[in-house]
Structures are given as structure tokens and as C-alpha cells.
N, C-alpha and C. Protein backbone atom coordinates (compact mmCIF):
# COMPACT_ATOMS: atom_id res chain seq x y z
N UNK A 1 0.84 -1.17 0.00
CA UNK A 1 0.00 0.00 0.00
C UNK A 1 0.88 1.23 0.00
N UNK A 2 0.49 2.19 -0.79
CA UNK A 2 1.24 3.44 -0.92
C UNK A 2 0.41 4.55 -0.30
N UNK A 3 0.98 5.25 0.68
CA UNK A 3 0.23 6.32 1.34
C UNK A 3 1.15 7.50 1.62
N UNK A 4 0.62 8.69 1.44
CA UNK A 4 1.35 9.91 1.72
C UNK A 4 0.53 10.75 2.69
N UNK A 5 1.19 11.59 3.50
CA UNK A 5 0.44 12.48 4.40
C UNK A 5 -0.44 13.44 3.61
N UNK A 6 -1.50 13.90 4.23
CA UNK A 6 -2.45 14.79 3.57
C UNK A 6 -1.81 16.11 3.14
N UNK A 7 -0.73 16.51 3.79
CA UNK A 7 -0.08 17.78 3.46
C UNK A 7 0.78 17.71 2.21
N UNK A 8 1.08 16.52 1.72
CA UNK A 8 1.94 16.36 0.55
C UNK A 8 1.16 16.72 -0.71
N UNK A 9 1.75 17.58 -1.53
CA UNK A 9 1.14 17.91 -2.82
C UNK A 9 1.52 16.85 -3.84
N UNK A 10 0.58 16.50 -4.69
CA UNK A 10 0.80 15.47 -5.70
C UNK A 10 0.41 16.03 -7.05
N UNK A 11 1.34 15.93 -8.00
CA UNK A 11 1.09 16.40 -9.36
C UNK A 11 1.20 15.23 -10.33
N UNK A 12 0.21 15.13 -11.21
CA UNK A 12 0.18 14.09 -12.22
C UNK A 12 0.48 14.73 -13.57
N UNK A 13 1.48 14.23 -14.27
CA UNK A 13 1.78 14.68 -15.63
C UNK A 13 0.78 14.01 -16.56
N UNK A 14 -0.02 14.80 -17.26
CA UNK A 14 -1.05 14.20 -18.12
C UNK A 14 -0.48 13.67 -19.43
N UNK A 15 0.64 14.22 -19.87
CA UNK A 15 1.31 13.71 -21.09
C UNK A 15 2.20 12.53 -20.72
N UNK A 16 2.19 11.48 -21.52
CA UNK A 16 3.07 10.34 -21.24
C UNK A 16 4.55 10.71 -21.39
N UNK A 17 5.40 10.00 -20.66
CA UNK A 17 6.84 10.21 -20.77
C UNK A 17 7.52 8.87 -21.09
N UNK A 18 8.73 8.97 -21.55
CA UNK A 18 9.54 7.80 -21.86
C UNK A 18 9.95 7.15 -20.53
N UNK A 19 9.55 5.92 -20.31
CA UNK A 19 9.83 5.25 -19.05
C UNK A 19 11.29 4.82 -18.89
N UNK A 20 12.11 5.06 -19.90
CA UNK A 20 13.54 4.82 -19.75
C UNK A 20 14.17 5.92 -18.91
N UNK A 21 13.46 7.02 -18.70
CA UNK A 21 13.99 8.11 -17.88
C UNK A 21 14.10 7.65 -16.44
N UNK A 22 15.21 8.03 -15.83
CA UNK A 22 15.44 7.70 -14.44
C UNK A 22 15.46 8.99 -13.63
N UNK A 23 16.30 9.07 -12.63
CA UNK A 23 16.33 10.22 -11.73
C UNK A 23 16.48 11.54 -12.47
N UNK A 24 17.55 11.69 -13.24
CA UNK A 24 17.82 12.97 -13.90
C UNK A 24 16.79 13.31 -14.98
N UNK A 25 16.36 12.33 -15.73
CA UNK A 25 15.38 12.57 -16.77
C UNK A 25 14.03 13.00 -16.22
N UNK A 26 13.58 12.34 -15.15
CA UNK A 26 12.31 12.74 -14.53
C UNK A 26 12.44 14.08 -13.82
N UNK A 27 13.60 14.32 -13.22
CA UNK A 27 13.86 15.62 -12.57
C UNK A 27 13.72 16.74 -13.60
N UNK A 28 14.30 16.52 -14.76
CA UNK A 28 14.23 17.49 -15.85
C UNK A 28 12.78 17.67 -16.33
N UNK A 29 12.03 16.59 -16.42
CA UNK A 29 10.63 16.66 -16.85
C UNK A 29 9.80 17.47 -15.87
N UNK A 30 10.07 17.34 -14.58
CA UNK A 30 9.34 18.14 -13.58
C UNK A 30 9.61 19.62 -13.79
N UNK A 31 10.88 19.97 -13.98
CA UNK A 31 11.24 21.37 -14.14
C UNK A 31 10.75 21.96 -15.46
N UNK A 32 10.91 21.22 -16.54
CA UNK A 32 10.61 21.77 -17.86
C UNK A 32 9.15 21.60 -18.27
N UNK A 33 8.62 20.39 -18.15
CA UNK A 33 7.25 20.13 -18.62
C UNK A 33 6.18 20.58 -17.63
N UNK A 34 6.45 20.36 -16.34
CA UNK A 34 5.44 20.69 -15.33
C UNK A 34 5.65 22.06 -14.70
N UNK A 35 6.79 22.67 -14.97
CA UNK A 35 7.13 24.00 -14.44
C UNK A 35 7.02 24.03 -12.91
N UNK A 36 7.55 23.00 -12.27
CA UNK A 36 7.56 22.90 -10.81
C UNK A 36 8.99 22.69 -10.34
N UNK A 37 9.22 22.98 -9.06
CA UNK A 37 10.53 22.76 -8.45
C UNK A 37 10.58 21.33 -7.92
N UNK A 38 11.46 20.49 -8.45
CA UNK A 38 11.53 19.10 -7.98
C UNK A 38 11.86 18.98 -6.50
N UNK A 39 12.50 20.01 -5.90
CA UNK A 39 12.85 19.97 -4.49
C UNK A 39 11.76 20.55 -3.59
N UNK A 40 10.56 20.72 -4.12
CA UNK A 40 9.48 21.32 -3.34
C UNK A 40 8.87 20.37 -2.32
N UNK A 41 9.19 19.09 -2.41
CA UNK A 41 8.62 18.11 -1.49
C UNK A 41 7.33 17.49 -2.01
N UNK A 42 6.97 17.82 -3.24
CA UNK A 42 5.78 17.24 -3.86
C UNK A 42 6.13 15.90 -4.50
N UNK A 43 5.10 15.11 -4.75
CA UNK A 43 5.25 13.85 -5.47
C UNK A 43 4.81 14.10 -6.91
N UNK A 44 5.62 13.66 -7.87
CA UNK A 44 5.33 13.87 -9.28
C UNK A 44 5.12 12.50 -9.93
N UNK A 45 3.99 12.34 -10.62
CA UNK A 45 3.60 11.06 -11.21
C UNK A 45 3.68 11.11 -12.72
N UNK A 46 4.25 10.06 -13.29
CA UNK A 46 4.41 9.96 -14.74
C UNK A 46 3.91 8.60 -15.22
N UNK A 47 3.41 8.56 -16.44
CA UNK A 47 2.87 7.34 -17.04
C UNK A 47 3.48 7.15 -18.41
N UNK A 48 3.51 5.91 -18.90
CA UNK A 48 3.97 5.68 -20.26
C UNK A 48 2.80 5.79 -21.24
N UNK A 49 3.08 5.75 -22.51
CA UNK A 49 2.06 5.93 -23.54
C UNK A 49 0.96 4.86 -23.47
N UNK A 50 1.35 3.63 -23.14
CA UNK A 50 0.38 2.52 -23.08
C UNK A 50 -0.41 2.50 -21.77
N UNK A 51 -0.02 3.34 -20.81
CA UNK A 51 -0.64 3.43 -19.47
C UNK A 51 -0.52 2.11 -18.69
N UNK A 52 0.62 1.44 -18.87
CA UNK A 52 0.87 0.20 -18.14
C UNK A 52 2.01 0.33 -17.12
N UNK A 53 2.70 1.45 -17.17
CA UNK A 53 3.81 1.70 -16.25
C UNK A 53 3.67 3.09 -15.64
N UNK A 54 4.00 3.15 -14.37
CA UNK A 54 3.86 4.39 -13.60
C UNK A 54 5.15 4.63 -12.84
N UNK A 55 5.61 5.88 -12.81
CA UNK A 55 6.78 6.24 -12.01
C UNK A 55 6.44 7.47 -11.19
N UNK A 56 6.93 7.47 -9.95
CA UNK A 56 6.77 8.60 -9.04
C UNK A 56 8.14 9.15 -8.70
N UNK A 57 8.26 10.45 -8.68
CA UNK A 57 9.50 11.13 -8.29
C UNK A 57 9.21 11.93 -7.04
N UNK A 58 10.06 11.79 -6.02
CA UNK A 58 9.84 12.46 -4.74
C UNK A 58 11.17 12.84 -4.11
N UNK A 59 11.30 14.10 -3.71
CA UNK A 59 12.48 14.59 -3.00
C UNK A 59 12.13 14.61 -1.52
N UNK A 60 12.86 13.87 -0.69
CA UNK A 60 12.53 13.79 0.74
C UNK A 60 13.36 14.73 1.61
N UNK A 61 14.15 15.57 0.99
CA UNK A 61 14.99 16.50 1.74
C UNK A 61 16.45 16.07 1.78
N UNK A 62 16.70 14.79 1.60
CA UNK A 62 18.08 14.29 1.59
C UNK A 62 18.46 13.63 0.27
N UNK A 63 17.46 13.26 -0.51
CA UNK A 63 17.72 12.59 -1.77
C UNK A 63 16.43 12.40 -2.55
N UNK A 64 16.59 11.82 -3.73
CA UNK A 64 15.47 11.65 -4.65
C UNK A 64 15.03 10.19 -4.65
N UNK A 65 13.72 9.99 -4.58
CA UNK A 65 13.11 8.66 -4.69
C UNK A 65 12.48 8.53 -6.07
N UNK A 66 12.65 7.38 -6.68
CA UNK A 66 11.91 7.02 -7.88
C UNK A 66 11.23 5.69 -7.58
N UNK A 67 9.91 5.71 -7.61
CA UNK A 67 9.13 4.50 -7.39
C UNK A 67 8.49 4.11 -8.71
N UNK A 68 8.42 2.83 -8.99
CA UNK A 68 7.87 2.37 -10.27
C UNK A 68 6.88 1.23 -10.04
N UNK A 69 5.86 1.19 -10.90
CA UNK A 69 4.91 0.08 -10.89
C UNK A 69 4.60 -0.30 -12.32
N UNK A 70 4.63 -1.61 -12.60
CA UNK A 70 4.28 -2.14 -13.91
C UNK A 70 3.08 -3.05 -13.75
N UNK A 71 2.04 -2.80 -14.53
CA UNK A 71 0.87 -3.65 -14.48
C UNK A 71 1.08 -4.89 -15.34
N UNK A 72 0.65 -6.02 -14.85
CA UNK A 72 0.73 -7.25 -15.62
C UNK A 72 -0.49 -7.40 -16.51
N UNK A 73 -1.63 -6.83 -16.10
CA UNK A 73 -2.86 -6.84 -16.89
C UNK A 73 -3.50 -5.47 -16.79
N UNK A 74 -4.20 -5.07 -17.83
CA UNK A 74 -4.97 -3.84 -17.80
C UNK A 74 -4.12 -2.59 -17.95
N UNK A 75 -4.77 -1.45 -17.71
CA UNK A 75 -4.13 -0.15 -17.82
C UNK A 75 -4.55 0.74 -16.66
N UNK A 76 -3.70 1.71 -16.36
CA UNK A 76 -4.07 2.70 -15.36
C UNK A 76 -5.13 3.63 -15.92
N UNK A 77 -6.04 4.04 -15.09
CA UNK A 77 -6.98 5.10 -15.45
C UNK A 77 -6.18 6.39 -15.33
N UNK A 78 -6.19 7.23 -16.35
CA UNK A 78 -5.33 8.41 -16.36
C UNK A 78 -6.06 9.59 -16.97
N UNK A 79 -5.82 10.81 -16.50
CA UNK A 79 -6.46 11.98 -17.10
C UNK A 79 -6.11 12.12 -18.58
N UNK A 80 -7.07 12.59 -19.35
CA UNK A 80 -6.86 12.78 -20.78
C UNK A 80 -5.96 13.98 -21.02
N UNK A 81 -4.91 13.82 -21.84
CA UNK A 81 -4.03 14.95 -22.14
C UNK A 81 -4.78 16.05 -22.90
N UNK A 82 -4.43 17.28 -22.60
CA UNK A 82 -4.98 18.42 -23.34
C UNK A 82 -3.89 19.47 -23.46
N UNK A 83 -4.05 20.34 -24.43
CA UNK A 83 -3.06 21.40 -24.63
C UNK A 83 -3.13 22.44 -23.52
N UNK A 84 -4.27 22.55 -22.88
CA UNK A 84 -4.47 23.59 -21.86
C UNK A 84 -3.73 23.31 -20.56
N UNK A 85 -3.48 22.03 -20.26
CA UNK A 85 -2.83 21.71 -18.98
C UNK A 85 -1.77 20.63 -19.15
N UNK A 86 -0.69 20.79 -18.43
CA UNK A 86 0.38 19.82 -18.47
C UNK A 86 0.35 18.92 -17.24
N UNK A 87 -0.32 19.41 -16.18
CA UNK A 87 -0.35 18.65 -14.93
C UNK A 87 -1.71 18.78 -14.27
N UNK A 88 -1.95 17.88 -13.35
CA UNK A 88 -3.18 17.87 -12.59
C UNK A 88 -2.79 17.63 -11.13
N UNK A 89 -3.37 18.39 -10.22
CA UNK A 89 -3.10 18.20 -8.80
C UNK A 89 -4.09 17.19 -8.23
N UNK A 90 -3.59 16.26 -7.43
CA UNK A 90 -4.43 15.23 -6.81
C UNK A 90 -4.24 15.24 -5.31
N UNK A 91 -5.27 14.79 -4.60
CA UNK A 91 -5.15 14.53 -3.17
C UNK A 91 -4.44 13.19 -2.98
N UNK A 92 -3.74 13.00 -1.88
CA UNK A 92 -3.06 11.72 -1.65
C UNK A 92 -4.01 10.51 -1.73
N UNK A 93 -5.25 10.69 -1.28
CA UNK A 93 -6.22 9.59 -1.34
C UNK A 93 -6.55 9.23 -2.78
N UNK A 94 -6.63 10.23 -3.65
CA UNK A 94 -6.92 9.99 -5.06
C UNK A 94 -5.77 9.24 -5.72
N UNK A 95 -4.53 9.58 -5.36
CA UNK A 95 -3.38 8.85 -5.91
C UNK A 95 -3.42 7.39 -5.47
N UNK A 96 -3.74 7.14 -4.21
CA UNK A 96 -3.82 5.76 -3.72
C UNK A 96 -4.88 4.97 -4.49
N UNK A 97 -6.01 5.60 -4.78
CA UNK A 97 -7.06 4.94 -5.56
C UNK A 97 -6.58 4.67 -6.99
N UNK A 98 -5.95 5.66 -7.58
CA UNK A 98 -5.45 5.53 -8.95
C UNK A 98 -4.45 4.39 -9.07
N UNK A 99 -3.49 4.33 -8.16
CA UNK A 99 -2.47 3.28 -8.17
C UNK A 99 -3.09 1.93 -7.83
N UNK A 100 -4.15 1.94 -7.03
CA UNK A 100 -4.80 0.71 -6.62
C UNK A 100 -5.79 0.13 -7.62
N UNK A 101 -5.99 0.80 -8.75
CA UNK A 101 -6.85 0.24 -9.78
C UNK A 101 -8.28 0.72 -9.76
N UNK A 102 -8.54 1.82 -9.08
CA UNK A 102 -9.90 2.35 -9.03
C UNK A 102 -10.08 3.40 -10.11
N UNK A 103 -11.14 3.29 -10.86
CA UNK A 103 -11.50 4.26 -11.89
C UNK A 103 -11.99 5.51 -11.17
N UNK A 104 -11.24 6.61 -11.22
CA UNK A 104 -11.59 7.81 -10.48
C UNK A 104 -12.89 8.45 -10.96
N UNK A 105 -13.17 8.35 -12.24
CA UNK A 105 -14.37 8.96 -12.79
C UNK A 105 -15.64 8.35 -12.23
N UNK A 106 -15.65 7.02 -12.12
CA UNK A 106 -16.85 6.32 -11.70
C UNK A 106 -16.77 5.79 -10.27
N UNK A 107 -15.58 5.82 -9.69
CA UNK A 107 -15.42 5.33 -8.32
C UNK A 107 -15.58 3.82 -8.18
N UNK A 108 -15.23 3.09 -9.22
CA UNK A 108 -15.37 1.64 -9.17
C UNK A 108 -14.07 0.97 -9.59
N UNK A 109 -13.92 -0.28 -9.18
CA UNK A 109 -12.74 -1.03 -9.57
C UNK A 109 -12.79 -1.34 -11.05
N UNK A 110 -11.65 -1.26 -11.69
CA UNK A 110 -11.58 -1.66 -13.10
C UNK A 110 -11.70 -3.18 -13.16
N UNK A 111 -12.26 -3.72 -14.24
CA UNK A 111 -12.48 -5.17 -14.33
C UNK A 111 -11.24 -6.02 -14.12
N UNK A 112 -10.07 -5.61 -14.57
CA UNK A 112 -8.86 -6.41 -14.42
C UNK A 112 -8.40 -6.51 -12.99
N UNK A 113 -8.89 -5.62 -12.12
CA UNK A 113 -8.44 -5.60 -10.73
C UNK A 113 -9.27 -6.54 -9.84
N UNK A 114 -10.48 -6.87 -10.29
CA UNK A 114 -11.37 -7.69 -9.47
C UNK A 114 -10.75 -9.04 -9.18
N UNK A 115 -11.00 -9.54 -7.99
CA UNK A 115 -10.42 -10.83 -7.57
C UNK A 115 -11.48 -11.89 -7.53
């Protein structure tokens, strides 16, 4: 289970990124594409084009964390990209639902997640 305190800001990049990017590449994407400071203490979420891989970038004050998740079945529910916005702010609870396989629009589990 992935959980963050309520005070942590979470930003979701709506445009897919190349999942070969690691620490420096994601750091650069936060600064250039999202126009945010990577050292702000926020969590930054990135997805691949197929919506099967997710990476999180987080600065904890002493170093950078990169967390990754790869789905074996299905796809992540993800905001639709638009030219008007590069990022979307989420509550920590919404990120936990998103990572856990819950369709945020309808508030239900996606079929591939059902047990």
C-alpha cells in the first residue's frame, strides 16, 4: 500500500513520458514540462504511452526517490491529455485509488483488478 500524508502535494503529468527516464530525466521533466521545483517536497507522477507503467519522483529533503509500478494486466486510469494543462493536482487519497486500480471517474474497480 502506498500512502502519503495529507499535506503532501501530488502532481500528475497528463502527457506520457519515456519510461527509460530515471532520476535525472524525470527531474528534468518536472522542471521543464510541469514547471515545478523538484525539491518542493511534492510527489510527481508519470505514465507511459500505453498506461501500463507508472513512475513517481519524490524529494525527501536528503535525496530523490523514484518508485515504479508495472501492471501485468490492464491499464491505469489516467487523465486525458490536453493542450491547456500539463499537470493535474491530486489529493493523496486519489493517488492511492489511482495506483490501486480504481476508476476515479466512476469510483469503481476496473475489471482487471477484481479478484
